[in-house]
């Protein structure tokens, strides 16, 4: 079967002799997964959020062309397991130790129900499972919900992004997050508006600390 239908790299479509961390990714494209410096995250994302409700933010890779292709496959190609595999790979690349050892709850950034029904799954939930494979009991996809539809953030500027997601999220049971250390998981962070709004709502409802964790961010 592999002679007739050889596995192809998800990015460049060249044949793949051996999977890269369970992902059909050729060595050349795997080399294009570049880490993001903590200085960039601090200066270009966190310090530009006024006010900032995130206590910390960890971003794994630069959002370049290969990452864009992989994340597009996850979201629109319905490659749900690819989200888990890519997150596992990212966790290994970022740190050899356990991610956020003090975390008490992991929340994927929620989709509006109609959008999730259309897509079939929440890609942030798939990515969260990959990041926290050994601690899936911490994952909750019902504690935080998106209470109204929002426009895509892609074509919006910084201020419009902030306005677009303002009051778009709701905590269902505040007693479940009261005093908790929480990690928010998403696929891509650009200005941080969505993660920051989620953190604001969580802290308003009693969360002690909120960190962000994403696969990628644009650095250009």
C-alpha atoms as a PDB file:
ATOM      1  CA  UNK A   1       0.000   0.000   0.000  1.00  0.00           C
ATOM      2  CA  UNK A   2       2.853   2.404   0.785  1.00  0.00           C
ATOM      3  CA  UNK A   3       4.391   1.684  -2.624  1.00  0.00           C
ATOM      4  CA  UNK A   4       1.110   2.527  -4.338  1.00  0.00           C
ATOM      5  CA  UNK A   5       0.083   5.338  -1.984  1.00  0.00           C
ATOM      6  CA  UNK A   6       3.212   6.618  -0.199  1.00  0.00           C
ATOM      7  CA  UNK A   7       2.576   8.923   2.776  1.00  0.00           C
ATOM      8  CA  UNK A   8       3.089  12.543   1.809  1.00  0.00           C
ATOM      9  CA  UNK A   9       4.351  15.475   3.830  1.00  0.00           C
ATOM     10  CA  UNK A  10       1.356  17.542   4.975  1.00  0.00           C
ATOM     11  CA  UNK A  11       3.217  20.732   4.080  1.00  0.00           C
ATOM     12  CA  UNK A  12       5.157  20.182   0.830  1.00  0.00           C
ATOM     13  CA  UNK A  13       3.456  16.964  -0.397  1.00  0.00           C
ATOM     14  CA  UNK A  14       6.779  15.172  -0.941  1.00  0.00           C
ATOM     15  CA  UNK A  15       6.951  11.467   0.032  1.00  0.00           C
ATOM     16  CA  UNK A  16       7.762  10.800   3.685  1.00  0.00           C
ATOM     17  CA  UNK A  17       9.915   7.786   4.508  1.00  0.00           C
ATOM     18  CA  UNK A  18       9.375   8.024   8.267  1.00  0.00           C
ATOM     19  CA  UNK A  19       6.871   9.994  10.319  1.00  0.00           C
ATOM     20  CA  UNK A  20       8.190  12.866  12.430  1.00  0.00           C
ATOM     21  CA  UNK A  21       6.715  12.449  15.927  1.00  0.00           C
ATOM     22  CA  UNK A  22       3.649  10.695  14.467  1.00  0.00           C
ATOM     23  CA  UNK A  23       3.194  13.476  11.904  1.00  0.00           C
ATOM     24  CA  UNK A  24       3.605  13.098   8.134  1.00  0.00           C
ATOM     25  CA  UNK A  25       6.297  15.758   7.985  1.00  0.00           C
ATOM     26  CA  UNK A  26       9.478  15.598   5.926  1.00  0.00           C
ATOM     27  CA  UNK A  27      12.833  16.569   7.525  1.00  0.00           C
ATOM     28  CA  UNK A  28      13.048  19.820   5.541  1.00  0.00           C
ATOM     29  CA  UNK A  29       9.631  21.034   6.718  1.00  0.00           C
ATOM     30  CA  UNK A  30      10.301  19.855  10.272  1.00  0.00           C
ATOM     31  CA  UNK A  31      13.361  22.120  10.285  1.00  0.00           C
ATOM     32  CA  UNK A  32      11.052  25.078   9.623  1.00  0.00           C
ATOM     33  CA  UNK A  33       9.411  24.755  13.060  1.00  0.00           C
ATOM     34  CA  UNK A  34      11.177  27.641  14.783  1.00  0.00           C
ATOM     35  CA  UNK A  35      10.759  28.421  18.512  1.00  0.00           C
ATOM     36  CA  UNK A  36       9.605  31.836  19.721  1.00  0.00           C
ATOM     37  CA  UNK A  37      11.778  33.799  22.122  1.00  0.00           C
ATOM     38  CA  UNK A  38      10.365  34.730  25.551  1.00  0.00           C
ATOM     39  CA  UNK A  39      11.448  38.339  24.889  1.00  0.00           C
ATOM     40  CA  UNK A  40       9.184  38.559  21.842  1.00  0.00           C
ATOM     41  CA  UNK A  41       6.245  37.163  23.814  1.00  0.00           C
ATOM     42  CA  UNK A  42       6.801  39.632  26.627  1.00  0.00           C
ATOM     43  CA  UNK A  43       7.487  42.745  24.564  1.00  0.00           C
ATOM     44  CA  UNK A  44       5.226  42.242  21.538  1.00  0.00           C
ATOM     45  CA  UNK A  45       2.222  40.559  23.153  1.00  0.00           C
ATOM     46  CA  UNK A  46       1.967  40.824  26.952  1.00  0.00           C
ATOM     47  CA  UNK A  47       3.290  44.364  27.377  1.00  0.00           C
ATOM     48  CA  UNK A  48       1.008  45.646  24.620  1.00  0.00           C
ATOM     49  CA  UNK A  49      -2.122  44.371  26.373  1.00  0.00           C
ATOM     50  CA  UNK A  50      -3.482  47.274  28.392  1.00  0.00           C
ATOM     51  CA  UNK A  51      -4.560  46.099  30.876  1.00  0.00           C
ATOM     52  CA  UNK A  52      -3.062  42.598  30.780  1.00  0.00           C
ATOM     53  CA  UNK A  53      -4.963  39.887  32.661  1.00  0.00           C
ATOM     54  CA  UNK A  54      -2.636  37.037  31.670  1.00  0.00           C
ATOM     55  CA  UNK A  55      -0.065  36.136  34.318  1.00  0.00           C
ATOM     56  CA  UNK A  56       2.130  34.427  31.724  1.00  0.00           C
ATOM     57  CA  UNK A  57       2.104  33.240  28.127  1.00  0.00           C
ATOM     58  CA  UNK A  58       3.952  30.371  26.469  1.00  0.00           C
ATOM     59  CA  UNK A  59       4.053  30.189  22.662  1.00  0.00           C
ATOM     60  CA  UNK A  60       5.834  27.288  20.998  1.00  0.00           C
ATOM     61  CA  UNK A  61       6.511  28.118  17.337  1.00  0.00           C
ATOM     62  CA  UNK A  62       6.658  30.976  14.865  1.00  0.00           C
ATOM     63  CA  UNK A  63       3.527  31.117  12.716  1.00  0.00           C
ATOM     64  CA  UNK A  64       5.264  30.715   9.355  1.00  0.00           C
ATOM     65  CA  UNK A  65       4.077  29.026   6.162  1.00  0.00           C
ATOM     66  CA  UNK A  66       4.565  25.378   7.338  1.00  0.00           C
ATOM     67  CA  UNK A  67       2.773  26.071  10.635  1.00  0.00           C
ATOM     68  CA  UNK A  68      -0.025  27.840   8.798  1.00  0.00           C
ATOM     69  CA  UNK A  69      -0.489  24.785   6.589  1.00  0.00           C
ATOM     70  CA  UNK A  70      -0.530  22.381   9.538  1.00  0.00           C
ATOM     71  CA  UNK A  71      -2.981  24.464  11.576  1.00  0.00           C
ATOM     72  CA  UNK A  72      -5.179  24.897   8.497  1.00  0.00           C
ATOM     73  CA  UNK A  73      -5.244  21.097   8.161  1.00  0.00           C
ATOM     74  CA  UNK A  74      -6.322  20.789  11.794  1.00  0.00           C
ATOM     75  CA  UNK A  75      -9.094  23.394  11.602  1.00  0.00           C
ATOM     76  CA  UNK A  76     -10.504  22.959   8.118  1.00  0.00           C
ATOM     77  CA  UNK A  77      -9.232  19.554   7.021  1.00  0.00           C
ATOM     78  CA  UNK A  78     -10.763  17.933  10.115  1.00  0.00           C
ATOM     79  CA  UNK A  79      -7.377  16.475  11.109  1.00  0.00           C
ATOM     80  CA  UNK A  80      -8.317  16.429  14.784  1.00  0.00           C
ATOM     81  CA  UNK A  81      -5.552  14.017  15.833  1.00  0.00           C
ATOM     82  CA  UNK A  82      -2.968  16.207  14.120  1.00  0.00           C
ATOM     83  CA  UNK A  83      -3.729  18.842  16.766  1.00  0.00           C
ATOM     84  CA  UNK A  84      -2.791  16.402  19.520  1.00  0.00           C
ATOM     85  CA  UNK A  85       0.371  15.196  17.765  1.00  0.00           C
ATOM     86  CA  UNK A  86       1.536  18.738  16.977  1.00  0.00           C
ATOM     87  CA  UNK A  87       0.960  19.822  20.569  1.00  0.00           C
ATOM     88  CA  UNK A  88       2.954  16.844  21.881  1.00  0.00           C
ATOM     89  CA  UNK A  89       5.784  17.757  19.535  1.00  0.00           C
ATOM     90  CA  UNK A  90       5.608  21.400  20.638  1.00  0.00           C
ATOM     91  CA  UNK A  91       5.715  20.469  24.326  1.00  0.00           C
ATOM     92  CA  UNK A  92       8.852  18.383  23.746  1.00  0.00           C
ATOM     93  CA  UNK A  93      10.533  21.192  21.818  1.00  0.00           C
ATOM     94  CA  UNK A  94       9.698  23.915  24.331  1.00  0.00           C
ATOM     95  CA  UNK A  95      10.667  22.207  27.574  1.00  0.00           C
ATOM     96  CA  UNK A  96      11.931  18.885  28.844  1.00  0.00           C
ATOM     97  CA  UNK A  97      10.056  19.334  32.109  1.00  0.00           C
ATOM     98  CA  UNK A  98       6.340  19.145  32.766  1.00  0.00           C
ATOM     99  CA  UNK A  99       4.296  22.036  31.389  1.00  0.00           C
ATOM    100  CA  UNK A 100       2.834  24.270  34.113  1.00  0.00           C
ATOM    101  CA  UNK A 101       3.320  21.884  37.068  1.00  0.00           C
ATOM    102  CA  UNK A 102       1.022  23.906  39.352  1.00  0.00           C
ATOM    103  CA  UNK A 103      -1.945  24.051  36.970  1.00  0.00           C
ATOM    104  CA  UNK A 104      -5.285  22.961  38.425  1.00  0.00           C
ATOM    105  CA  UNK A 105      -7.496  23.376  35.359  1.00  0.00           C
ATOM    106  CA  UNK A 106      -6.903  23.456  31.598  1.00  0.00           C
ATOM    107  CA  UNK A 107      -9.435  25.309  29.464  1.00  0.00           C
ATOM    108  CA  UNK A 108      -9.450  25.344  25.653  1.00  0.00           C
ATOM    109  CA  UNK A 109     -10.628  28.673  24.235  1.00  0.00           C
ATOM    110  CA  UNK A 110     -14.239  27.858  23.330  1.00  0.00           C
ATOM    111  CA  UNK A 111     -15.894  28.174  19.936  1.00  0.00           C
ATOM    112  CA  UNK A 112     -19.427  29.472  19.514  1.00  0.00           C
ATOM    113  CA  UNK A 113     -21.730  26.385  19.376  1.00  0.00           C
ATOM    114  CA  UNK A 114     -22.765  26.984  15.760  1.00  0.00           C
ATOM    115  CA  UNK A 115     -19.123  27.284  14.664  1.00  0.00           C
ATOM    116  CA  UNK A 116     -18.158  24.114  16.545  1.00  0.00           C
ATOM    117  CA  UNK A 117     -21.072  22.218  15.018  1.00  0.00           C
ATOM    118  CA  UNK A 118     -19.982  23.351  11.562  1.00  0.00           C
ATOM    119  CA  UNK A 119     -16.343  22.366  12.165  1.00  0.00           C
ATOM    120  CA  UNK A 120     -17.172  19.154  14.037  1.00  0.00           C
ATOM    121  CA  UNK A 121     -14.793  19.759  16.940  1.00  0.00           C
ATOM    122  CA  UNK A 122     -12.902  22.480  18.790  1.00  0.00           C
ATOM    123  CA  UNK A 123      -9.289  22.496  17.592  1.00  0.00           C
ATOM    124  CA  UNK A 124      -8.171  24.136  20.857  1.00  0.00           C
ATOM    125  CA  UNK A 125      -9.543  21.163  22.787  1.00  0.00           C
ATOM    126  CA  UNK A 126      -7.594  18.745  20.579  1.00  0.00           C
ATOM    127  CA  UNK A 127      -4.419  20.801  21.082  1.00  0.00           C
ATOM    128  CA  UNK A 128      -4.983  20.932  24.857  1.00  0.00           C
ATOM    129  CA  UNK A 129      -5.215  17.109  24.964  1.00  0.00           C
ATOM    130  CA  UNK A 130      -1.855  16.914  23.215  1.00  0.00           C
ATOM    131  CA  UNK A 131      -0.170  19.388  25.556  1.00  0.00           C
ATOM    132  CA  UNK A 132      -1.505  17.653  28.676  1.00  0.00           C
ATOM    133  CA  UNK A 133      -1.541  14.015  27.561  1.00  0.00           C
ATOM    134  CA  UNK A 134      -0.686  12.670  31.011  1.00  0.00           C
ATOM    135  CA  UNK A 135      -3.051  15.050  32.806  1.00  0.00           C
ATOM    136  CA  UNK A 136      -6.234  14.913  30.761  1.00  0.00           C
ATOM    137  CA  UNK A 137      -8.259  14.939  33.971  1.00  0.00           C
ATOM    138  CA  UNK A 138      -7.443  18.664  34.246  1.00  0.00           C
ATOM    139  CA  UNK A 139      -9.121  19.456  30.934  1.00  0.00           C
ATOM    140  CA  UNK A 140     -12.570  21.058  31.066  1.00  0.00           C
ATOM    141  CA  UNK A 141     -14.446  22.175  27.964  1.00  0.00           C
ATOM    142  CA  UNK A 142     -17.558  23.357  29.798  1.00  0.00           C
ATOM    143  CA  UNK A 143     -16.252  25.735  32.450  1.00  0.00           C
ATOM    144  CA  UNK A 144     -15.839  28.595  29.951  1.00  0.00           C
ATOM    145  CA  UNK A 145     -18.211  29.128  27.018  1.00  0.00           C
ATOM    146  CA  UNK A 146     -18.486  31.604  24.159  1.00  0.00           C
ATOM    147  CA  UNK A 147     -21.799  33.340  24.741  1.00  0.00           C
ATOM    148  CA  UNK A 148     -22.137  35.153  21.418  1.00  0.00           C
ATOM    149  CA  UNK A 149     -20.760  34.780  17.885  1.00  0.00           C
ATOM    150  CA  UNK A 150     -17.771  36.919  16.937  1.00  0.00           C
ATOM    151  CA  UNK A 151     -16.174  37.907  13.652  1.00  0.00           C
ATOM    152  CA  UNK A 152     -12.935  36.275  12.557  1.00  0.00           C
ATOM    153  CA  UNK A 153     -10.020  38.151  14.092  1.00  0.00           C
ATOM    154  CA  UNK A 154      -7.819  37.644  11.032  1.00  0.00           C
ATOM    155  CA  UNK A 155      -8.511  40.907   9.201  1.00  0.00           C
ATOM    156  CA  UNK A 156      -9.055  43.105  12.287  1.00  0.00           C
ATOM    157  CA  UNK A 157      -6.579  45.551  13.817  1.00  0.00           C
ATOM    158  CA  UNK A 158      -5.569  45.494  17.478  1.00  0.00           C
ATOM    159  CA  UNK A 159      -8.382  47.694  18.809  1.00  0.00           C
ATOM    160  CA  UNK A 160     -11.070  46.016  16.693  1.00  0.00           C
ATOM    161  CA  UNK A 161      -9.908  42.603  17.926  1.00  0.00           C
ATOM    162  CA  UNK A 162     -10.308  43.733  21.522  1.00  0.00           C
ATOM    163  CA  UNK A 163     -13.805  45.090  20.854  1.00  0.00           C
ATOM    164  CA  UNK A 164     -14.781  42.006  18.846  1.00  0.00           C
ATOM    165  CA  UNK A 165     -14.272  39.607  21.775  1.00  0.00           C
ATOM    166  CA  UNK A 166     -15.325  41.921  24.625  1.00  0.00           C
ATOM    167  CA  UNK A 167     -17.970  40.174  26.766  1.00  0.00           C
ATOM    168  CA  UNK A 168     -18.002  37.223  24.351  1.00  0.00           C
ATOM    169  CA  UNK A 169     -17.189  34.642  27.058  1.00  0.00           C
ATOM    170  CA  UNK A 170     -18.989  33.436  30.162  1.00  0.00           C
ATOM    171  CA  UNK A 171     -18.138  31.208  33.127  1.00  0.00           C
ATOM    172  CA  UNK A 172     -20.900  28.666  33.766  1.00  0.00           C
ATOM    173  CA  UNK A 173     -20.098  27.769  37.369  1.00  0.00           C
ATOM    174  CA  UNK A 174     -17.816  30.286  39.132  1.00  0.00           C
ATOM    175  CA  UNK A 175     -17.445  27.992  42.152  1.00  0.00           C
ATOM    176  CA  UNK A 176     -15.570  25.505  39.962  1.00  0.00           C
ATOM    177  CA  UNK A 177     -12.814  27.975  39.089  1.00  0.00           C
ATOM    178  CA  UNK A 178     -12.634  29.947  42.346  1.00  0.00           C
ATOM    179  CA  UNK A 179      -9.023  30.127  43.567  1.00  0.00           C
ATOM    180  CA  UNK A 180      -7.744  27.899  40.733  1.00  0.00           C
ATOM    181  CA  UNK A 181      -4.579  28.196  38.662  1.00  0.00           C
ATOM    182  CA  UNK A 182      -5.778  27.916  35.067  1.00  0.00           C
ATOM    183  CA  UNK A 183      -4.103  27.442  31.683  1.00  0.00           C
ATOM    184  CA  UNK A 184      -5.935  28.682  28.578  1.00  0.00           C
ATOM    185  CA  UNK A 185      -5.082  26.824  25.354  1.00  0.00           C
ATOM    186  CA  UNK A 186      -5.518  28.123  21.796  1.00  0.00           C
ATOM    187  CA  UNK A 187      -3.997  27.410  18.378  1.00  0.00           C
ATOM    188  CA  UNK A 188      -2.580  30.843  17.462  1.00  0.00           C
ATOM    189  CA  UNK A 189      -2.090  34.091  19.365  1.00  0.00           C
ATOM    190  CA  UNK A 190      -1.549  37.370  17.498  1.00  0.00           C
ATOM    191  CA  UNK A 191      -2.356  40.398  19.651  1.00  0.00           C
ATOM    192  CA  UNK A 192      -3.526  38.285  22.604  1.00  0.00           C
ATOM    193  CA  UNK A 193      -6.976  39.892  22.639  1.00  0.00           C
ATOM    194  CA  UNK A 194      -8.928  36.617  22.844  1.00  0.00           C
ATOM    195  CA  UNK A 195      -6.765  35.042  25.541  1.00  0.00           C
ATOM    196  CA  UNK A 196      -6.740  38.296  27.503  1.00  0.00           C
ATOM    197  CA  UNK A 197     -10.532  38.594  27.421  1.00  0.00           C
ATOM    198  CA  UNK A 198     -10.895  34.982  28.578  1.00  0.00           C
ATOM    199  CA  UNK A 199      -8.437  35.680  31.405  1.00  0.00           C
ATOM    200  CA  UNK A 200     -10.366  38.816  32.404  1.00  0.00           C
ATOM    201  CA  UNK A 201     -13.625  36.889  32.674  1.00  0.00           C
ATOM    202  CA  UNK A 202     -11.983  34.025  34.588  1.00  0.00           C
ATOM    203  CA  UNK A 203     -10.357  36.365  37.115  1.00  0.00           C
ATOM    204  CA  UNK A 204     -13.586  38.305  37.508  1.00  0.00           C
ATOM    205  CA  UNK A 205     -15.163  34.997  38.531  1.00  0.00           C
ATOM    206  CA  UNK A 206     -12.486  34.094  41.077  1.00  0.00           C
ATOM    207  CA  UNK A 207      -9.566  32.462  39.239  1.00  0.00           C
ATOM    208  CA  UNK A 208      -6.288  32.990  41.099  1.00  0.00           C
ATOM    209  CA  UNK A 209      -3.892  32.867  38.124  1.00  0.00           C
ATOM    210  CA  UNK A 210      -4.386  32.493  34.384  1.00  0.00           C
ATOM    211  CA  UNK A 211      -1.671  31.530  31.896  1.00  0.00           C
ATOM    212  CA  UNK A 212      -1.901  31.241  28.124  1.00  0.00           C
ATOM    213  CA  UNK A 213      -0.504  28.428  25.967  1.00  0.00           C
ATOM    214  CA  UNK A 214      -0.604  28.360  22.156  1.00  0.00           C
ATOM    215  CA  UNK A 215       1.078  26.554  19.303  1.00  0.00           C
ATOM    216  CA  UNK A 216       2.185  29.610  17.346  1.00  0.00           C
ATOM    217  CA  UNK A 217       2.343  33.381  16.879  1.00  0.00           C
ATOM    218  CA  UNK A 218       3.263  35.565  13.877  1.00  0.00           C
ATOM    219  CA  UNK A 219       6.612  37.267  14.476  1.00  0.00           C
ATOM    220  CA  UNK A 220       6.963  39.371  11.318  1.00  0.00           C
END
